[in-house]
Amino acid sequence: MKLWKRDGIYQYRFQVGGQRVQKSTGTHIKGQAEAIAMKAWQEAKERAAGVYIPTLEELRQNWLKAQAGHVGLGHWSNVEKWDPEDLGGIKIDRLTKELVELAREKHRAGAGRIAKTRADATVTSWMRVLNLLINWALACKTITSQPYQIKIPRAQKRPRSILPLAKVKTWLAAVDEHARNPQVGTAARLMIGLGLRASEAMGARWEWIDWETRTFTPGRLVNGQFTTKGGEAEPIDMPDWLHDHLLELRGADPRLGLILPWKTLDDGTEVPHPPRFCRASIQAANADAGTPGVTAHRTRGTWITHLLRQGTPVPEVQKMARHKDRETTLGYYEDASEVRKEAQKKLAKGMGLA
């Protein structure tokens, strides 16, 4: 390896595997220049031997490229927006417990862009993305062992809002009243009636409805091809009230394309609304109906919770929700004190004590 100065800045040159590498170190300090040149030489040797270990940021970019279109958009976006803090330039096999914990606490403190302490659940989510990337590297055999061992504490679960059954009709009427666009009401009905995610409701298409069997198959179009999250194309039975609402919206003749198109481009391509399309109307409806905290996503939690409360077996709800893991389904379930009270009454009656 050769190191020399040009215009006061150290340059380096070496040859590995028949390839010549010559670059600037960007520094006038010899010690720093030697370290930069040595690192570049080591990485070049790893690449030549076919055992190159990426940095965490390189791994994240590789994951984003490999998983685009194969995982849910929300999941992909979480990784795309994830900030590795001070770990981005570190090779993944050199991530130590100390380095990861320091970066985790920096993320908790909100240093840099957001100067406020983040919640435990947010910090846990940050760690889960890091572990996701490292586990992917292990699965791809990019590395052969976990570089650190850190147990993720379970965040304290807080009660989440759901729509009480008795208020659903009132809530939908309030959504209709506050919506400037009548499509908002249809979107709310798709979410509360079929448990669709907001993005699924905005991307719902007429051709995914089987009018004869009264079912709807949630999915999305990727490069013109119908795909589903997780690969399962499971039709969902439409309740009569939703079937009738959509039939009235469709009219007498069959239709193709988006049920809720935002706009149509010059080439005829329909563009769906963004997932936040219903946000303002839902917030206003919550104030009217007395249902604080309900969001578009919590309508899915409402749907799953009430299916389970009505006695639908967990495997059936899991299939309807299109979850691979039953624990994911149960994670949406919200307990209720009135359900427990009723259970105690039934138990007491069965014991002959009521």
Protein backbone atom coordinates (compact mmCIF):
# COMPACT_ATOMS: atom_id res chain seq x y z
CA MET A 1 0.00 0.00 0.00
CA LYS A 2 1.25 3.47 -0.88
CA LEU A 3 0.33 6.65 1.01
CA TRP A 4 1.24 10.14 -0.21
CA LYS A 5 0.09 13.75 -0.12
CA ARG A 6 -1.51 15.73 -2.89
CA ASP A 7 -2.37 19.35 -2.22
CA GLY A 8 -1.95 18.66 1.49
CA ILE A 9 -4.41 15.71 1.55
CA TYR A 10 -3.27 12.12 1.92
CA GLN A 11 -4.03 9.73 -0.95
CA TYR A 12 -3.75 5.95 -0.91
CA ARG A 13 -3.24 3.28 -3.54
CA PHE A 14 -3.19 -0.51 -3.37
CA GLN A 15 -3.97 -3.55 -5.50
CA VAL A 16 -6.15 -6.50 -4.47
CA GLY A 17 -7.18 -9.43 -6.66
CA GLY A 18 -5.77 -7.76 -9.77
CA GLN A 19 -7.83 -4.60 -9.15
CA ARG A 20 -6.10 -1.29 -8.51
CA VAL A 21 -7.72 1.05 -5.98
CA GLN A 22 -6.69 4.70 -5.63
CA LYS A 23 -8.63 7.24 -3.55
CA SER A 24 -8.30 10.27 -1.32
CA THR A 25 -8.51 9.90 2.45
CA GLY A 26 -9.94 13.40 2.75
CA THR A 27 -7.62 14.26 5.66
CA HIS A 28 -4.22 15.89 6.17
CA ILE A 29 -3.56 13.97 9.40
CA LYS A 30 -1.34 10.99 8.77
CA GLY A 31 -2.71 8.77 11.55
CA GLN A 32 -6.29 9.21 10.34
CA ALA A 33 -5.21 8.66 6.74
CA GLU A 34 -3.48 5.40 7.62
CA ALA A 35 -6.60 4.15 9.44
CA ILE A 36 -8.87 5.06 6.49
CA ALA A 37 -6.53 3.42 3.98
CA MET A 38 -6.22 0.26 6.12
CA LYS A 39 -10.00 0.00 6.44
CA ALA A 40 -10.43 0.34 2.67
CA TRP A 41 -7.75 -2.31 2.09
CA GLN A 42 -9.44 -4.74 4.51
CA GLU A 43 -12.84 -4.22 2.85
CA ALA A 44 -11.35 -4.71 -0.61
CA LYS A 45 -9.80 -8.01 0.55
CA GLU A 46 -13.16 -9.14 1.96
CA ARG A 47 -14.91 -8.32 -1.31
CA ALA A 48 -12.28 -10.13 -3.33
CA ALA A 49 -12.67 -13.21 -1.12
CA GLY A 50 -16.46 -13.06 -1.38
CA VAL A 51 -16.93 -12.54 2.36
CA TYR A 52 -17.66 -8.83 2.50
CA ILE A 53 -19.45 -7.79 5.68
CA PRO A 54 -21.71 -4.76 5.13
CA THR A 55 -22.20 -1.84 7.46
CA LEU A 56 -25.56 -1.55 9.17
CA GLU A 57 -26.66 1.16 6.74
CA GLU A 58 -25.59 -0.97 3.76
CA LEU A 59 -27.55 -3.88 5.23
CA ARG A 60 -30.63 -1.68 5.65
CA GLN A 61 -30.44 -0.53 2.02
CA ASN A 62 -30.00 -4.14 0.85
CA TRP A 63 -33.06 -5.19 2.87
CA LEU A 64 -35.15 -2.38 1.37
CA LYS A 65 -34.19 -3.41 -2.17
CA ALA A 66 -34.76 -7.12 -1.53
CA GLN A 67 -38.09 -6.74 0.29
CA ALA A 68 -39.74 -4.03 -1.83
CA GLY A 69 -43.09 -5.40 -2.97
CA HIS A 70 -42.73 -8.55 -0.84
CA VAL A 71 -43.69 -7.14 2.57
CA GLY A 72 -46.45 -4.79 3.66
CA LEU A 73 -45.97 -1.15 2.73
CA GLY A 74 -46.23 -0.03 6.35
CA HIS A 75 -43.61 -2.57 7.43
CA TRP A 76 -41.29 -1.55 4.59
CA SER A 77 -41.78 2.15 5.40
CA ASN A 78 -40.86 1.57 9.05
CA VAL A 79 -37.47 0.22 7.96
CA GLU A 80 -37.09 2.93 5.31
CA LYS A 81 -37.62 5.67 7.91
CA TRP A 82 -35.57 3.95 10.62
CA ASP A 83 -32.61 5.94 11.96
CA PRO A 84 -29.60 3.79 12.91
CA GLU A 85 -28.24 6.64 15.05
CA ASP A 86 -24.45 6.16 15.41
CA LEU A 87 -24.45 2.56 14.14
CA GLY A 88 -24.93 3.16 10.41
CA GLY A 89 -21.25 3.12 9.46
CA ILE A 90 -20.30 0.14 11.64
CA LYS A 91 -19.89 -3.32 10.11
CA ILE A 92 -22.64 -5.54 11.45
CA ASP A 93 -20.26 -8.18 12.82
CA ARG A 94 -18.67 -5.47 14.98
CA LEU A 95 -21.88 -4.35 16.65
CA THR A 96 -21.37 -4.90 20.37
CA LYS A 97 -23.81 -4.82 23.27
CA GLU A 98 -22.25 -1.58 24.45
CA LEU A 99 -22.51 0.15 21.04
CA VAL A 100 -26.13 -0.92 20.55
CA GLU A 101 -27.18 0.16 24.05
CA LEU A 102 -25.51 3.56 23.61
CA ALA A 103 -27.33 4.06 20.28
CA ARG A 104 -30.60 2.88 21.85
CA GLU A 105 -30.31 5.42 24.67
CA LYS A 106 -29.41 8.16 22.20
CA HIS A 107 -32.59 7.30 20.31
CA ARG A 108 -34.55 7.38 23.58
CA ALA A 109 -33.17 10.85 24.39
CA GLY A 110 -34.19 12.10 20.96
CA ALA A 111 -30.82 13.66 20.20
CA GLY A 112 -30.60 15.52 16.93
CA ARG A 113 -33.85 15.95 15.01
CA ILE A 114 -36.25 15.41 17.92
CA ALA A 115 -35.05 16.80 21.23
CA LYS A 116 -37.44 15.03 23.58
CA THR A 117 -37.50 11.73 25.44
CA ARG A 118 -39.22 9.02 23.46
CA ALA A 119 -41.66 6.53 24.93
CA ASP A 120 -40.54 2.99 25.84
CA ALA A 121 -42.74 1.56 23.07
CA THR A 122 -40.96 3.75 20.50
CA VAL A 123 -37.55 2.60 21.73
CA THR A 124 -38.73 -1.01 21.63
CA SER A 125 -39.82 -0.52 18.01
CA TRP A 126 -36.36 0.85 17.20
CA MET A 127 -34.74 -2.25 18.67
CA ARG A 128 -37.12 -4.54 16.79
CA VAL A 129 -36.09 -3.03 13.45
CA LEU A 130 -32.42 -3.48 14.35
CA ASN A 131 -33.03 -7.11 15.27
CA LEU A 132 -35.04 -7.62 12.08
CA LEU A 133 -32.06 -6.50 9.99
CA ILE A 134 -29.55 -8.59 11.93
CA ASN A 135 -31.78 -11.69 11.77
CA TRP A 136 -32.11 -11.18 7.99
CA ALA A 137 -28.31 -11.04 7.74
CA LEU A 138 -28.12 -14.30 9.71
CA ALA A 139 -30.72 -15.93 7.45
CA CYS A 140 -28.77 -14.82 4.37
CA LYS A 141 -25.56 -16.16 5.99
CA THR A 142 -23.96 -12.73 5.68
CA ILE A 143 -22.86 -13.29 9.26
CA THR A 144 -22.80 -16.57 11.15
CA SER A 145 -23.57 -15.47 14.71
CA GLN A 146 -25.55 -12.82 16.56
CA PRO A 147 -23.09 -9.98 17.25
CA TYR A 148 -24.82 -8.85 20.46
CA GLN A 149 -27.29 -10.19 23.02
CA ILE A 150 -29.83 -7.68 24.34
CA LYS A 151 -33.18 -8.67 25.77
CA ILE A 152 -36.01 -6.38 24.69
CA PRO A 153 -38.25 -5.58 27.67
CA ARG A 154 -41.96 -5.83 27.08
CA ALA A 155 -43.50 -2.38 26.87
CA GLN A 156 -46.40 -1.74 29.24
CA LYS A 157 -49.56 -2.38 27.25
CA ARG A 158 -52.06 0.44 27.41
CA PRO A 159 -55.78 0.11 26.69
CA ARG A 160 -56.52 1.04 23.08
CA SER A 161 -59.73 2.58 21.84
CA ILE A 162 -62.32 0.53 20.03
CA LEU A 163 -65.83 1.33 18.88
CA PRO A 164 -68.51 -0.14 21.17
CA LEU A 165 -71.00 -2.17 19.13
CA ALA A 166 -73.86 0.05 20.24
CA LYS A 167 -72.11 3.15 18.86
CA VAL A 168 -71.00 1.90 15.43
CA LYS A 169 -74.14 3.07 13.63
CA THR A 170 -74.01 6.49 15.31
CA TRP A 171 -70.30 6.79 14.54
CA LEU A 172 -70.78 5.98 10.84
CA ALA A 173 -73.56 8.56 10.62
CA ALA A 174 -71.23 11.14 12.18
CA VAL A 175 -68.47 10.25 9.69
CA ASP A 176 -70.94 10.78 6.83
CA GLU A 177 -72.01 14.11 8.29
CA HIS A 178 -68.49 15.50 8.65
CA ALA A 179 -67.03 14.11 5.40
CA ARG A 180 -66.69 16.58 2.56
CA ASN A 181 -66.17 13.66 0.20
CA PRO A 182 -68.82 10.88 0.32
CA GLN A 183 -66.07 8.35 -0.38
CA VAL A 184 -64.93 8.78 3.24
CA GLY A 185 -68.10 7.05 4.46
CA THR A 186 -67.56 4.12 2.11
CA ALA A 187 -63.93 3.82 3.25
CA ALA A 188 -65.04 3.78 6.91
CA ARG A 189 -67.56 1.02 6.11
CA LEU A 190 -64.93 -1.08 4.33
CA MET A 191 -62.65 -0.80 7.35
CA ILE A 192 -65.25 -1.47 10.04
CA GLY A 193 -67.14 -4.10 8.01
CA LEU A 194 -64.21 -6.11 6.63
CA GLY A 195 -61.35 -5.18 8.95
CA LEU A 196 -59.37 -3.65 6.09
CA ARG A 197 -56.27 -1.64 6.76
CA ALA A 198 -56.56 1.99 5.61
CA SER A 199 -54.27 1.38 2.63
CA GLU A 200 -56.30 -1.73 1.68
CA ALA A 201 -59.55 0.23 1.79
CA MET A 202 -58.12 2.99 -0.42
CA GLY A 203 -56.81 0.41 -2.89
CA ALA A 204 -59.94 -1.78 -2.92
CA ARG A 205 -61.19 -2.62 -6.42
CA TRP A 206 -64.57 -3.58 -7.81
CA GLU A 207 -63.22 -6.71 -9.50
CA TRP A 208 -62.20 -8.13 -6.10
CA ILE A 209 -65.87 -8.42 -5.13
CA ASP A 210 -67.67 -11.68 -5.90
CA TRP A 211 -71.29 -10.54 -6.01
CA GLU A 212 -72.63 -14.06 -6.27
CA THR A 213 -70.95 -15.34 -3.11
CA ARG A 214 -70.99 -11.90 -1.44
CA THR A 215 -67.28 -12.01 -0.65
CA PHE A 216 -64.38 -9.61 -1.01
CA THR A 217 -60.72 -10.60 -1.42
CA PRO A 218 -58.36 -7.91 -0.07
CA GLY A 219 -55.13 -7.34 -1.92
CA ARG A 220 -53.15 -4.83 -3.93
CA LEU A 221 -51.80 -4.41 -7.43
CA VAL A 222 -48.02 -4.63 -7.86
CA ASN A 223 -46.84 -4.08 -11.42
CA GLY A 224 -50.33 -4.94 -12.63
CA GLN A 225 -50.44 -8.24 -10.71
CA PHE A 226 -52.82 -9.02 -7.84
CA THR A 227 -50.89 -9.75 -4.65
CA THR A 228 -51.84 -10.11 -1.01
CA LYS A 229 -49.96 -9.40 2.18
CA GLY A 230 -48.33 -12.65 3.23
CA GLY A 231 -49.43 -14.38 0.03
CA GLU A 232 -52.84 -15.52 1.31
CA ALA A 233 -55.81 -14.67 -0.94
CA GLU A 234 -58.58 -15.33 1.57
CA PRO A 235 -62.08 -14.10 0.63
CA ILE A 236 -64.00 -12.36 3.41
CA ASP A 237 -67.78 -12.67 3.65
CA MET A 238 -69.40 -9.26 3.33
CA PRO A 239 -72.16 -8.44 5.83
CA ASP A 240 -75.49 -7.70 4.18
CA TRP A 241 -75.43 -4.01 5.10
CA LEU A 242 -72.01 -3.52 3.43
CA HIS A 243 -73.02 -5.56 0.38
CA ASP A 244 -76.11 -3.40 -0.07
CA HIS A 245 -74.12 -0.18 0.39
CA LEU A 246 -71.57 -1.18 -2.26
CA LEU A 247 -74.24 -2.47 -4.63
CA GLU A 248 -76.05 0.87 -4.45
CA LEU A 249 -72.76 2.67 -5.05
CA ARG A 250 -71.92 0.44 -8.02
CA GLY A 251 -75.27 0.76 -9.75
CA ALA A 252 -76.88 -1.70 -12.15
CA ASP A 253 -73.83 -2.37 -14.33
CA PRO A 254 -70.63 -4.18 -13.26
CA ARG A 255 -67.64 -1.91 -12.74
CA LEU A 256 -63.86 -2.27 -12.76
CA GLY A 257 -61.14 -0.24 -11.09
CA LEU A 258 -60.83 1.44 -7.73
CA ILE A 259 -63.92 1.64 -5.56
CA LEU A 260 -62.60 4.93 -4.15
CA PRO A 261 -60.49 6.61 -6.84
CA TRP A 262 -58.83 9.88 -5.88
CA LYS A 263 -58.02 11.01 -9.39
CA THR A 264 -57.43 9.63 -12.87
CA LEU A 265 -54.23 10.41 -14.79
CA ASP A 266 -54.11 11.33 -18.46
CA ASP A 267 -53.24 7.73 -19.38
CA GLY A 268 -56.35 6.46 -17.57
CA THR A 269 -54.51 5.19 -14.48
CA GLU A 270 -56.53 5.60 -11.30
CA VAL A 271 -54.72 6.93 -8.24
CA PRO A 272 -55.98 5.91 -4.76
CA HIS A 273 -56.39 8.25 -1.83
CA PRO A 274 -53.60 8.34 0.78
CA PRO A 275 -54.24 6.27 3.94
CA ARG A 276 -54.85 9.47 5.97
CA PHE A 277 -57.84 10.31 3.74
CA CYS A 278 -60.37 9.61 6.53
CA ARG A 279 -58.44 11.11 9.45
CA ALA A 280 -60.20 14.47 9.85
CA SER A 281 -63.70 13.02 9.47
CA ILE A 282 -62.98 10.23 11.95
CA GLN A 283 -61.65 12.69 14.53
CA ALA A 284 -64.79 14.84 14.17
CA ALA A 285 -67.04 11.77 14.36
CA ASN A 286 -65.27 10.67 17.57
CA ALA A 287 -66.15 13.98 19.20
CA ASP A 288 -69.80 13.65 18.22
CA ALA A 289 -70.19 9.96 19.08
CA GLY A 290 -68.14 10.03 22.28
CA THR A 291 -65.54 7.58 20.98
CA PRO A 292 -62.16 9.25 21.68
CA GLY A 293 -59.01 7.68 20.32
CA VAL A 294 -60.57 5.71 17.47
CA THR A 295 -58.43 5.87 14.34
CA ALA A 296 -58.63 4.23 10.94
CA HIS A 297 -56.37 1.44 12.17
CA ARG A 298 -58.36 0.97 15.38
CA THR A 299 -61.39 0.10 13.26
CA ARG A 300 -59.49 -3.07 12.39
CA GLY A 301 -58.89 -3.66 16.10
CA THR A 302 -62.59 -3.05 16.68
CA TRP A 303 -63.55 -5.60 14.03
CA ILE A 304 -61.20 -8.29 15.39
CA THR A 305 -62.14 -7.63 19.03
CA HIS A 306 -65.88 -7.90 18.41
CA LEU A 307 -65.49 -11.05 16.30
CA LEU A 308 -63.67 -12.69 19.21
CA ARG A 309 -66.17 -11.38 21.76
CA GLN A 310 -69.01 -12.85 19.69
CA GLY A 311 -67.39 -16.25 20.12
CA THR A 312 -65.75 -16.65 16.70
CA PRO A 313 -62.91 -19.19 17.10
CA VAL A 314 -59.43 -17.65 17.06
CA PRO A 315 -58.28 -19.68 13.99
CA GLU A 316 -61.24 -18.35 11.99
CA VAL A 317 -60.58 -14.75 13.03
CA GLN A 318 -56.89 -15.25 12.23
CA LYS A 319 -57.84 -16.43 8.74
CA MET A 320 -60.26 -13.54 8.21
CA ALA A 321 -57.65 -11.03 9.39
CA ARG A 322 -55.05 -12.69 7.15
CA HIS A 323 -52.51 -13.14 9.93
CA LYS A 324 -49.81 -15.80 9.74
CA ASP A 325 -49.48 -15.94 13.55
CA ARG A 326 -52.40 -16.31 15.95
CA GLU A 327 -50.52 -14.11 18.44
CA THR A 328 -50.81 -11.23 15.98
CA THR A 329 -54.58 -11.70 15.96
CA LEU A 330 -54.76 -11.86 19.75
CA GLY A 331 -52.59 -8.74 19.93
CA TYR A 332 -55.49 -6.75 18.44
CA TYR A 333 -57.93 -7.98 21.07
CA GLU A 334 -59.03 -5.45 23.67
CA ASP A 335 -60.50 -6.76 26.90
CA ALA A 336 -63.47 -5.01 28.46
CA SER A 337 -64.69 -4.77 32.03
CA GLU A 338 -68.32 -5.26 30.96
CA VAL A 339 -67.40 -8.60 29.36
CA ARG A 340 -65.72 -9.75 32.57
CA LYS A 341 -68.67 -8.64 34.68
CA GLU A 342 -71.07 -10.57 32.46
CA ALA A 343 -68.83 -13.64 32.66
CA GLN A 344 -68.88 -13.47 36.47
CA LYS A 345 -72.67 -13.20 36.47
CA LYS A 346 -72.96 -16.27 34.26
CA LEU A 347 -70.54 -18.15 36.49
CA ALA A 348 -72.44 -17.22 39.64
CA LYS A 349 -75.71 -18.26 38.02
CA GLY A 350 -74.22 -21.61 37.05
CA MET A 351 -73.10 -22.14 40.65
CA GLY A 352 -76.62 -21.42 41.84
CA LEU A 353 -75.41 -18.40 43.79
CA ALA A 354 -77.20 -15.72 41.80
